[in-house]
N, C-alpha and C. Protein backbone atom coordinates (compact mmCIF):
# COMPACT_ATOMS: atom_id res chain seq x y z
N MET A 1 87.04 77.86 95.27
CA MET A 1 87.09 79.26 94.90
C MET A 1 88.53 79.73 94.74
N PHE A 2 89.39 79.44 95.73
CA PHE A 2 90.78 79.86 95.65
C PHE A 2 91.69 78.69 95.29
N ASN A 3 91.12 77.56 95.01
CA ASN A 3 91.94 76.38 94.77
C ASN A 3 92.45 76.37 93.34
N ASP A 4 93.53 77.12 93.10
CA ASP A 4 94.15 77.16 91.79
C ASP A 4 95.46 76.39 91.78
N GLY A 5 95.63 75.54 92.78
CA GLY A 5 96.86 74.79 92.90
C GLY A 5 97.85 75.43 93.85
N PHE A 6 97.63 76.67 94.20
CA PHE A 6 98.54 77.38 95.08
C PHE A 6 97.88 77.79 96.39
N LEU A 7 96.69 78.33 96.30
CA LEU A 7 95.97 78.78 97.49
C LEU A 7 94.71 77.97 97.70
N THR A 8 94.46 77.66 98.94
CA THR A 8 93.19 77.04 99.28
C THR A 8 92.41 78.03 100.13
N ASN A 9 91.14 77.82 100.24
CA ASN A 9 90.30 78.69 101.05
C ASN A 9 90.82 78.72 102.49
N ARG A 10 91.23 77.58 103.00
CA ARG A 10 91.76 77.49 104.36
C ARG A 10 93.01 78.34 104.53
N THR A 11 93.90 78.33 103.55
CA THR A 11 95.11 79.13 103.60
C THR A 11 94.78 80.61 103.63
N VAL A 12 93.87 81.03 102.80
CA VAL A 12 93.48 82.44 102.76
C VAL A 12 92.88 82.85 104.10
N LYS A 13 92.02 82.04 104.67
CA LYS A 13 91.38 82.38 105.94
C LYS A 13 92.39 82.50 107.08
N LYS A 14 93.51 81.80 107.00
CA LYS A 14 94.55 81.91 108.02
C LYS A 14 95.29 83.25 107.91
N GLN A 15 95.30 83.84 106.74
CA GLN A 15 96.09 85.04 106.50
C GLN A 15 95.26 86.32 106.37
N VAL A 16 93.95 86.21 106.28
CA VAL A 16 93.08 87.36 106.06
C VAL A 16 92.05 87.42 107.18
N THR A 17 91.82 88.62 107.67
CA THR A 17 90.79 88.83 108.67
C THR A 17 89.65 89.60 108.02
N ILE A 18 88.46 89.06 108.09
CA ILE A 18 87.28 89.72 107.55
C ILE A 18 86.66 90.57 108.66
N CYS A 19 86.44 91.83 108.37
CA CYS A 19 85.88 92.77 109.35
C CYS A 19 84.51 93.26 108.89
N LYS A 20 83.72 93.71 109.83
CA LYS A 20 82.37 94.18 109.52
C LYS A 20 82.35 95.60 108.98
N SER A 21 83.43 96.35 109.21
CA SER A 21 83.47 97.73 108.73
C SER A 21 84.91 98.14 108.45
N ALA A 22 85.05 99.22 107.71
CA ALA A 22 86.39 99.75 107.44
C ALA A 22 87.02 100.24 108.74
N LEU A 23 86.24 100.83 109.62
CA LEU A 23 86.76 101.31 110.89
C LEU A 23 87.35 100.16 111.71
N GLU A 24 86.64 99.05 111.75
CA GLU A 24 87.12 97.87 112.47
C GLU A 24 88.40 97.34 111.82
N ALA A 25 88.45 97.35 110.51
CA ALA A 25 89.62 96.83 109.80
C ALA A 25 90.87 97.68 110.05
N CYS A 26 90.68 98.96 110.35
CA CYS A 26 91.81 99.87 110.56
C CYS A 26 92.38 99.80 111.98
N LYS A 27 91.64 99.21 112.90
CA LYS A 27 92.07 99.18 114.29
C LYS A 27 93.40 98.44 114.42
N ASN A 28 94.36 99.08 115.06
CA ASN A 28 95.70 98.54 115.30
C ASN A 28 96.51 98.32 114.02
N ALA A 29 96.09 98.94 112.93
CA ALA A 29 96.83 98.83 111.67
C ALA A 29 97.88 99.92 111.61
N GLU A 30 98.86 99.73 110.75
CA GLU A 30 99.88 100.74 110.51
C GLU A 30 99.55 101.61 109.31
N ALA A 31 98.73 101.06 108.40
CA ALA A 31 98.44 101.78 107.16
C ALA A 31 97.05 101.41 106.64
N VAL A 32 96.49 102.37 105.91
CA VAL A 32 95.24 102.16 105.18
C VAL A 32 95.58 102.32 103.71
N VAL A 33 95.18 101.35 102.91
CA VAL A 33 95.37 101.42 101.46
C VAL A 33 93.99 101.52 100.82
N ILE A 34 93.74 102.61 100.12
CA ILE A 34 92.45 102.79 99.45
C ILE A 34 92.63 102.42 97.99
N ALA A 35 91.95 101.35 97.61
CA ALA A 35 92.06 100.86 96.24
C ALA A 35 90.71 100.80 95.54
N THR A 36 89.70 101.39 96.17
CA THR A 36 88.36 101.40 95.60
C THR A 36 87.68 102.72 95.94
N GLU A 37 86.69 103.10 95.19
CA GLU A 37 85.99 104.36 95.41
C GLU A 37 84.70 104.16 96.19
N TRP A 38 84.68 103.21 97.09
CA TRP A 38 83.47 102.96 97.86
C TRP A 38 83.09 104.18 98.69
N LYS A 39 81.81 104.41 98.80
CA LYS A 39 81.25 105.54 99.54
C LYS A 39 81.74 105.54 101.00
N GLU A 40 81.91 104.38 101.57
CA GLU A 40 82.34 104.25 102.96
C GLU A 40 83.65 105.00 103.22
N PHE A 41 84.57 104.97 102.26
CA PHE A 41 85.85 105.64 102.47
C PHE A 41 85.74 107.16 102.35
N LYS A 42 84.76 107.63 101.63
CA LYS A 42 84.53 109.07 101.54
C LYS A 42 83.92 109.62 102.82
N GLU A 43 83.14 108.80 103.50
CA GLU A 43 82.37 109.25 104.65
C GLU A 43 82.91 108.79 106.00
N ILE A 44 83.99 108.04 106.01
CA ILE A 44 84.51 107.48 107.26
C ILE A 44 85.01 108.59 108.18
N ASP A 45 84.93 108.37 109.46
CA ASP A 45 85.42 109.31 110.47
C ASP A 45 86.93 109.11 110.60
N TRP A 46 87.71 109.90 109.87
CA TRP A 46 89.16 109.72 109.83
C TRP A 46 89.80 109.98 111.18
N GLU A 47 89.23 110.83 112.02
CA GLU A 47 89.78 111.04 113.36
C GLU A 47 89.65 109.77 114.19
N ALA A 48 88.52 109.08 114.07
CA ALA A 48 88.32 107.81 114.78
C ALA A 48 89.26 106.74 114.24
N VAL A 49 89.46 106.73 112.92
CA VAL A 49 90.39 105.78 112.31
C VAL A 49 91.78 106.01 112.89
N TYR A 50 92.23 107.27 112.89
CA TYR A 50 93.56 107.61 113.37
C TYR A 50 93.73 107.22 114.84
N ALA A 51 92.72 107.49 115.64
CA ALA A 51 92.79 107.18 117.08
C ALA A 51 93.01 105.70 117.33
N GLY A 52 92.49 104.84 116.46
CA GLY A 52 92.60 103.40 116.67
C GLY A 52 93.80 102.74 116.02
N MET A 53 94.57 103.52 115.26
CA MET A 53 95.70 102.95 114.53
C MET A 53 97.00 103.05 115.32
N ASN A 54 97.97 102.18 114.96
CA ASN A 54 99.33 102.32 115.46
C ASN A 54 99.95 103.54 114.81
N LYS A 55 100.90 104.15 115.51
CA LYS A 55 101.54 105.35 114.98
C LYS A 55 103.00 105.06 114.65
N PRO A 56 103.57 105.62 113.62
CA PRO A 56 102.91 106.55 112.70
C PRO A 56 101.87 105.82 111.87
N ALA A 57 100.81 106.54 111.50
CA ALA A 57 99.70 105.98 110.72
C ALA A 57 99.76 106.53 109.30
N PHE A 58 99.67 105.64 108.33
CA PHE A 58 99.79 106.01 106.93
C PHE A 58 98.48 105.78 106.18
N VAL A 59 98.22 106.63 105.19
CA VAL A 59 97.13 106.41 104.24
C VAL A 59 97.74 106.45 102.84
N PHE A 60 97.55 105.38 102.10
CA PHE A 60 97.96 105.31 100.70
C PHE A 60 96.68 105.33 99.88
N ASP A 61 96.44 106.44 99.21
CA ASP A 61 95.19 106.65 98.48
C ASP A 61 95.43 106.43 96.99
N GLY A 62 95.01 105.29 96.50
CA GLY A 62 95.17 104.94 95.10
C GLY A 62 94.03 105.42 94.22
N ARG A 63 93.06 106.11 94.79
CA ARG A 63 91.91 106.58 94.03
C ARG A 63 91.73 108.09 94.09
N LEU A 64 92.68 108.77 94.73
CA LEU A 64 92.59 110.23 94.91
C LEU A 64 91.25 110.61 95.53
N LEU A 65 90.90 109.90 96.60
CA LEU A 65 89.59 110.00 97.22
C LEU A 65 89.58 110.89 98.46
N VAL A 66 90.69 110.98 99.17
CA VAL A 66 90.70 111.67 100.45
C VAL A 66 91.20 113.10 100.32
N ASP A 67 90.91 113.88 101.35
CA ASP A 67 91.43 115.24 101.47
C ASP A 67 92.76 115.11 102.22
N ALA A 68 93.86 115.07 101.46
CA ALA A 68 95.17 114.81 102.04
C ALA A 68 95.55 115.86 103.08
N GLU A 69 95.20 117.10 102.86
CA GLU A 69 95.53 118.16 103.81
C GLU A 69 94.82 117.93 105.15
N LYS A 70 93.55 117.57 105.08
CA LYS A 70 92.77 117.29 106.29
C LYS A 70 93.37 116.11 107.05
N LEU A 71 93.71 115.03 106.34
CA LEU A 71 94.27 113.85 106.99
C LEU A 71 95.64 114.14 107.59
N THR A 72 96.42 114.96 106.92
CA THR A 72 97.73 115.34 107.45
C THR A 72 97.58 116.14 108.74
N LYS A 73 96.58 117.01 108.79
CA LYS A 73 96.32 117.79 110.01
C LYS A 73 95.90 116.88 111.17
N ILE A 74 95.20 115.79 110.86
CA ILE A 74 94.81 114.82 111.89
C ILE A 74 96.05 114.12 112.43
N GLY A 75 97.05 113.91 111.57
CA GLY A 75 98.28 113.24 112.01
C GLY A 75 98.77 112.16 111.06
N PHE A 76 97.98 111.84 110.05
CA PHE A 76 98.36 110.80 109.09
C PHE A 76 99.55 111.23 108.25
N LYS A 77 100.34 110.26 107.81
CA LYS A 77 101.30 110.43 106.74
C LYS A 77 100.54 109.98 105.49
N VAL A 78 100.35 110.85 104.52
CA VAL A 78 99.48 110.58 103.38
C VAL A 78 100.30 110.47 102.09
N CYS A 79 100.02 109.44 101.32
CA CYS A 79 100.62 109.27 100.00
C CYS A 79 99.49 109.13 98.99
N LEU A 80 99.41 110.09 98.07
CA LEU A 80 98.42 109.99 96.99
C LEU A 80 99.08 109.21 95.86
N CYS A 81 98.57 108.04 95.61
CA CYS A 81 99.15 107.13 94.63
C CYS A 81 98.25 107.07 93.40
N PHE A 82 98.83 107.17 92.25
CA PHE A 82 98.06 107.03 91.03
C PHE A 82 98.96 106.50 89.95
N ARG A 83 98.35 106.08 88.88
CA ARG A 83 99.16 105.57 87.76
C ARG A 83 98.81 106.36 86.53
N PHE A 84 99.76 106.49 85.66
CA PHE A 84 99.54 107.17 84.41
C PHE A 84 99.02 106.17 83.40
N ALA A 85 98.08 106.58 82.59
CA ALA A 85 97.59 105.72 81.52
C ALA A 85 98.65 105.66 80.43
N ASP A 86 98.77 104.52 79.83
CA ASP A 86 99.64 104.33 78.67
C ASP A 86 101.11 104.59 79.00
N VAL A 87 101.56 104.09 80.13
CA VAL A 87 102.99 104.19 80.48
C VAL A 87 103.73 103.06 79.79
N ARG A 88 104.79 103.38 79.10
CA ARG A 88 105.58 102.36 78.40
C ARG A 88 107.00 102.36 78.95
N TYR A 89 107.52 101.18 79.13
CA TYR A 89 108.90 101.05 79.65
C TYR A 89 109.80 100.51 78.57
């Protein structure tokens, strides 16, 4: 699956932890990066997430999914990340 000459499944498993939930994945983390619009991220208990994270705790929202004001009041440092369509350099 990952054997493209650079990564093997064994290598990936050494570097990635699979969790049963987003809440579990956030425990002891420094940051949450939202890169998908899954329902779980809309409904997650952000206060519980914050309580389990290392501080300062960051949320990088690449889908404009969260209520940044609410998360900031909880204590998160929030960055709303997005890209412009048709950006040319």
